[in-house]
Protein backbone atom coordinates (compact mmCIF):
# COMPACT_ATOMS: atom_id res chain seq x y z
CA MET A 1 -1.40 9.68 -20.28
CA ASN A 2 -1.56 6.38 -19.36
CA GLU A 3 -5.38 4.53 -18.54
CA LYS A 4 -3.67 1.13 -17.73
CA THR A 5 -5.60 0.52 -13.83
CA LEU A 6 -3.39 -0.47 -10.77
CA ASP A 7 -2.30 -3.72 -10.47
CA VAL A 8 -2.15 -4.40 -6.62
CA LYS A 9 0.35 -8.22 -7.64
CA ASP A 10 2.59 -6.03 -9.80
CA ILE A 11 3.21 -3.29 -7.79
CA SER A 12 3.74 -5.53 -4.88
CA SER A 13 7.19 -6.85 -6.29
CA ILE A 14 8.05 -3.55 -5.11
CA PRO A 15 10.19 -3.03 -1.91
CA ILE A 16 8.51 -0.80 0.46
CA LEU A 17 10.14 1.87 1.78
CA ASP A 18 11.51 1.79 5.11
CA GLY A 19 14.30 4.84 5.28
CA THR A 20 17.18 1.43 5.22
CA ASN A 21 16.24 0.33 1.09
CA TYR A 22 15.86 3.24 -0.50
CA GLY A 23 18.55 2.37 -3.47
CA HIS A 24 16.82 -0.70 -3.99
CA TRP A 25 13.43 1.08 -3.47
CA GLN A 26 14.50 3.48 -6.12
CA MET A 27 15.09 0.97 -9.22
CA ARG A 28 12.26 -0.52 -8.68
CA MET A 29 9.89 2.01 -8.80
CA LYS A 30 11.65 4.42 -11.37
CA ILE A 31 11.50 0.35 -13.33
CA TYR A 32 7.79 0.58 -12.09
CA LEU A 33 6.03 4.21 -13.18
CA GLN A 34 7.95 4.10 -16.07
CA SER A 35 6.01 0.59 -17.56
CA ARG A 36 2.81 3.26 -16.51
CA ASP A 37 4.27 6.47 -18.34
CA LEU A 38 4.35 7.99 -15.01
CA LEU A 39 8.36 8.56 -14.23
CA ASP A 40 8.12 11.70 -16.41
CA VAL A 41 5.46 13.19 -13.91
CA CYS A 42 7.61 12.63 -10.90
CA GLU A 43 10.88 13.52 -12.55
CA LYS A 44 10.10 16.71 -14.18
CA SER A 45 8.22 19.68 -12.64
CA HIS A 46 4.81 20.73 -14.12
CA THR A 47 5.25 23.10 -16.69
CA ASN A 48 3.22 26.67 -16.38
CA ASN A 49 2.45 27.53 -19.27
CA ALA A 50 0.99 24.33 -19.93
CA SER A 51 -2.40 23.83 -21.81
CA THR A 52 -5.73 23.31 -19.35
CA SER A 53 -5.59 20.42 -21.57
CA ALA A 54 -1.58 19.35 -21.16
CA SER A 55 -2.24 20.06 -17.38
CA ASN A 56 -5.39 17.91 -16.72
CA ARG A 57 -3.49 15.14 -18.28
CA TRP A 58 -0.40 15.83 -15.50
CA SER A 59 -2.61 16.46 -12.48
CA LYS A 60 -4.40 13.32 -13.01
CA ALA A 61 -0.89 11.12 -13.82
CA SER A 62 0.41 12.97 -11.16
CA PHE A 63 -1.94 11.83 -8.51
CA GLU A 64 -2.15 8.11 -9.51
CA ALA A 65 1.75 7.94 -9.39
CA ILE A 66 1.57 9.33 -6.12
CA ASN A 67 -1.25 6.81 -5.18
CA ILE A 68 0.80 3.84 -6.23
CA ILE A 69 4.26 5.64 -4.71
CA THR A 70 1.95 6.23 -0.83
CA THR A 71 1.26 2.40 -1.25
CA ARG A 72 5.09 1.43 -0.95
CA LEU A 73 5.73 3.44 2.29
CA THR A 74 6.23 2.55 5.96
CA LYS A 75 4.04 4.11 8.44
CA ARG A 76 7.04 6.29 9.82
CA VAL A 77 7.94 7.56 6.16
CA PHE A 78 4.81 8.33 4.82
CA ARG A 79 4.21 10.29 7.96
CA GLU A 80 8.30 12.21 7.20
CA ILE A 81 7.22 12.38 3.81
CA ILE A 82 3.81 13.47 2.78
CA ASN A 83 2.42 16.68 3.70
CA SER A 84 0.09 19.59 1.92
CA GLU A 85 2.80 20.30 -0.56
CA THR A 86 3.19 16.48 -1.71
CA ILE A 87 0.68 14.93 -1.17
CA GLU A 88 -0.54 16.93 -4.24
CA ASN A 89 2.75 16.99 -6.53
CA SER A 90 4.09 13.66 -7.58
CA HIS A 91 7.81 16.04 -8.88
CA LEU A 92 7.65 17.68 -5.40
CA LEU A 93 7.07 13.92 -3.54
CA TRP A 94 9.76 11.84 -6.09
CA SER A 95 12.56 15.45 -5.14
CA LYS A 96 11.09 15.20 -0.97
CA ILE A 97 11.56 10.92 -0.98
CA SER A 98 15.44 11.61 -2.49
CA GLU A 99 16.45 14.87 -0.15
CA GLN A 100 15.16 12.61 2.72
CA TYR A 101 17.13 9.46 2.35
CA ALA A 102 19.85 9.27 -0.84
CA SER A 103 21.67 11.43 1.96
CA LYS A 104 21.53 7.74 4.18
CA ARG A 105 22.13 5.89 1.12
CA ALA A 106 26.52 6.25 1.75
CA VAL A 107 25.59 5.53 5.86
CA ASN A 108 23.09 2.33 4.51
CA GLN A 109 25.99 1.13 2.37
CA GLY A 110 28.59 1.38 5.11
CA ARG A 111 27.55 -0.87 7.41
CA VAL A 112 25.66 -3.40 5.24
CA TRP A 113 29.11 -3.72 3.03
CA MET A 114 30.53 -4.51 7.04
CA ASP A 115 27.91 -6.91 7.97
CA TRP A 116 29.45 -8.36 4.76
CA GLN A 117 32.91 -8.44 5.77
CA HIS A 118 32.52 -9.54 8.93
CA CYS A 119 30.26 -12.42 7.46
CA PHE A 120 32.43 -16.19 9.08
CA PHE A 121 31.51 -19.70 8.83
CA ASP A 122 31.33 -20.76 12.35
CA GLY A 123 31.69 -24.68 11.38
CA ASN A 124 27.94 -24.62 10.57
CA LEU A 125 27.43 -24.89 6.93
CA GLN A 126 23.48 -24.25 6.83
CA ASN A 127 24.13 -21.53 9.38
CA TYR A 128 26.54 -19.90 6.62
CA ILE A 129 24.61 -20.91 3.57
CA ASP A 130 21.21 -18.13 5.03
CA ASN A 131 23.72 -15.91 6.34
CA PHE A 132 25.01 -15.52 2.99
CA GLN A 133 22.14 -15.09 1.09
CA LYS A 134 20.19 -12.63 3.96
CA LEU A 135 23.09 -10.24 2.86
CA MET A 136 23.22 -10.92 -1.24
CA ILE A 137 19.40 -8.92 -0.52
CA LYS A 138 20.82 -6.54 1.40
CA LEU A 139 23.30 -5.51 -0.79
CA ALA A 140 20.93 -5.35 -3.71
CA ALA A 141 18.95 -3.40 -1.41
CA VAL A 142 21.28 -0.78 -1.14
CA SER A 143 21.83 -0.93 -4.42
CA ILE A 144 25.72 -2.44 -3.80
CA ILE A 145 27.15 -3.89 -6.71
CA VAL A 146 29.60 -6.60 -6.77
CA PRO A 147 30.34 -8.67 -9.58
CA ASN A 148 29.27 -12.01 -9.50
CA GLU A 149 32.69 -13.98 -9.68
CA LEU A 150 33.72 -11.89 -6.48
CA LEU A 151 30.61 -12.89 -4.75
CA SER A 152 31.28 -16.96 -5.65
CA TYR A 153 34.57 -16.21 -4.65
CA SER A 154 33.85 -14.47 -1.82
CA LEU A 155 31.49 -17.36 -1.30
CA LEU A 156 34.15 -20.51 -1.18
CA GLY A 157 36.54 -18.04 0.09
CA LYS A 158 35.55 -18.03 4.03
CA LEU A 159 34.89 -22.04 3.83
CA GLY A 160 38.09 -23.40 1.74
CA GLY A 161 40.24 -23.51 5.03
CA ASN A 162 37.74 -26.14 6.18
CA PRO A 163 39.22 -29.48 6.14
CA HIS A 164 35.99 -31.19 5.74
CA LEU A 165 35.17 -28.93 2.47
CA SER A 166 38.20 -28.24 0.82
CA GLN A 167 38.11 -30.69 -1.95
CA PHE A 168 34.06 -29.47 -2.65
CA VAL A 169 35.26 -26.22 -2.92
CA GLU A 170 38.05 -26.33 -5.33
CA THR A 171 35.44 -28.77 -7.59
CA LEU A 172 33.13 -25.99 -7.60
CA ILE A 173 35.69 -22.88 -7.70
CA PHE A 174 37.47 -24.86 -11.32
CA ASN A 175 34.18 -25.06 -12.38
CA GLU A 176 34.05 -22.09 -14.61
CA ASP A 177 30.46 -22.78 -15.69
CA ILE A 178 28.75 -22.05 -12.09
CA ILE A 179 31.94 -19.75 -10.72
CA GLU A 180 29.95 -16.51 -12.39
CA LYS A 181 27.12 -17.53 -10.73
CA PRO A 182 26.52 -17.50 -7.52
CA LEU A 183 23.23 -18.48 -6.69
CA ALA A 184 23.91 -21.96 -8.37
CA ILE A 185 27.28 -22.19 -6.05
CA LEU A 186 24.94 -21.30 -3.33
CA SER A 187 22.43 -24.78 -4.83
CA GLN A 188 25.47 -26.77 -4.63
CA LEU A 189 26.47 -25.59 -1.14
CA GLN A 190 22.60 -26.17 0.09
CA ASP A 191 22.73 -30.08 -1.86
CA PHE A 192 25.61 -30.55 0.01
CA ALA A 193 24.59 -29.51 3.81
CA SER A 194 21.58 -31.04 2.97
CA HIS A 195 23.36 -34.58 1.98
CA ASN A 196 25.46 -34.16 5.11
CA SER A 197 22.50 -34.10 7.81
CA HIS A 198 20.94 -37.24 6.39
CA ASN A 199 23.74 -38.92 6.83
CA ASN A 200 24.92 -37.80 9.91
CA GLY A 201 21.35 -38.30 11.41
CA THR A 202 22.11 -41.80 9.53
CA GLN A 203 24.54 -42.34 11.43
CA ASN A 204 23.02 -40.96 15.13
CA LYS A 205 20.23 -43.52 14.02
CA LYS A 206 22.52 -46.26 14.15
CA GLU A 207 24.77 -45.32 17.11
CA THR A 208 21.26 -44.82 19.66
CA SER A 209 20.29 -48.10 18.03
CA SER A 210 23.55 -49.97 18.92
CA SER A 211 23.72 -48.39 22.60
CA ALA A 212 20.30 -49.70 23.16
CA LEU A 213 21.21 -53.01 22.02
CA LEU A 214 24.10 -52.78 23.77
CA THR A 215 22.78 -51.62 27.33
CA GLU A 216 19.95 -54.51 26.75
CA TYR A 217 22.82 -57.17 26.35
CA ASN A 218 25.05 -56.39 29.02
CA GLU A 219 21.58 -55.72 31.47
CA PRO A 220 21.66 -59.03 34.27
CA HIS A 221 18.83 -61.63 33.06
CA LYS A 222 16.45 -63.05 35.13
CA ILE A 223 16.55 -65.64 36.33
CA ILE A 224 13.62 -68.48 36.10
CA LEU A 225 13.30 -71.17 39.45
CA TYR A 226 12.28 -74.38 38.37
CA CYS A 227 11.16 -77.48 41.34
CA SER A 228 11.66 -81.04 39.23
CA GLN A 229 12.72 -84.13 40.20
CA GLY A 230 10.33 -84.52 42.93
CA LYS A 231 11.82 -81.72 45.01
CA HIS A 232 10.85 -78.44 45.72
CA ASN A 233 13.70 -75.58 45.18
CA LYS A 234 13.97 -73.39 48.50
CA ARG A 235 14.49 -70.50 46.44
CA HIS A 236 11.58 -70.29 44.71
CA THR A 237 9.06 -67.54 46.50
CA THR A 238 5.95 -67.91 44.54
CA HIS A 239 4.39 -71.30 46.33
CA LYS A 240 5.32 -73.20 49.42
CA LYS A 241 6.87 -76.47 49.60
CA GLU A 242 3.59 -78.14 50.71
CA GLU A 243 2.14 -76.99 47.77
CA CYS A 244 4.52 -77.83 45.19
CA TRP A 245 3.87 -79.67 42.50
CA ALA A 246 7.08 -81.76 42.10
CA GLU A 247 7.07 -83.37 45.50
CA ASN A 248 3.01 -83.31 45.55
CA PRO A 249 1.99 -84.48 41.83
CA HIS A 250 -1.28 -85.35 43.62
CA LEU A 251 -2.02 -81.45 43.36
CA ARG A 252 -0.83 -80.81 39.30
CA PRO A 253 -4.06 -80.07 37.94
CA SER A 254 -5.99 -82.39 35.11
CA ARG A 255 -5.87 -80.25 31.89
CA GLN A 256 -9.56 -80.54 32.35
CA ASP A 257 -9.27 -78.25 34.80
CA LYS A 258 -6.81 -75.95 33.39
CA ARG A 259 -9.58 -76.09 30.38
CA LYS A 260 -12.53 -75.32 32.90
CA ARG A 261 -10.39 -72.36 33.97
CA ASN A 262 -10.01 -70.61 31.41
CA ASN A 263 -12.80 -71.70 28.99
CA PRO A 264 -15.58 -70.72 31.90
CA LYS A 265 -18.45 -70.99 29.45
CA LEU A 266 -17.46 -74.47 28.92
CA THR A 267 -20.08 -76.05 31.32
CA SER A 268 -22.70 -77.72 29.68
CA PRO A 269 -22.37 -82.07 29.96
CA TRP A 270 -21.49 -82.69 26.35
CA LEU A 271 -18.86 -80.64 26.12
CA ARG A 272 -17.12 -82.21 29.56
CA LEU A 273 -17.06 -85.38 27.86
CA LEU A 274 -15.67 -83.86 24.94
CA LEU A 275 -12.95 -82.47 26.72
CA GLN A 276 -12.17 -86.35 29.19
């Protein structure tokens, strides 16, 4: 029997059985059990006339398989499946899971297929790409096998009626190297969506800047009032007529006085001489 140790990283690639993804779970679990030489103890019952050593090997492999399987069950599924018999016999456990959830497989497939049929393009390309990717995962989870070409045509067919996408869609449809690869088509659509999103953002930024400039241009300019030619401007409110420098030039401070006010530290005699 198998002497390999349980690799947590490897087993984490197996989906957790939640009751709705039995087809996908069974496929991945069978591959993993087969790689560890444990699938036989799940699919075949133990023979009563086996030798003691053979029985011991079967029991050891059975418990190892049970350990692997039970780590990939939700709490609800665990409660529904595990009992005093299935906890000690890998074949009974495997059969119980199959009986419990294989009957629901058709219902789950029907539900996913209806979701697939009702996946439409609502004008938002990014949402459409995200929804299509989720549906592809669901199709695999319930073991609905759709040929790659049909997936691609279904993906692009829902976009063909959009005038902004029709030309791009046609280039993908007639590309023989890509039409058989739905994931590659999704990648192309993602690049297209990202590029358009960037361009729209740049355009919106330009429009915002233009609007700001237009608003600034339309705003009334501030009028600056001056007193000149020896007369006081009556519209000026910052000073009175008797304080007006235009009519009373002797009141205008000298350059030295201005520097003193702006530089209070310049008080030494020799500095004052330099400023005269």
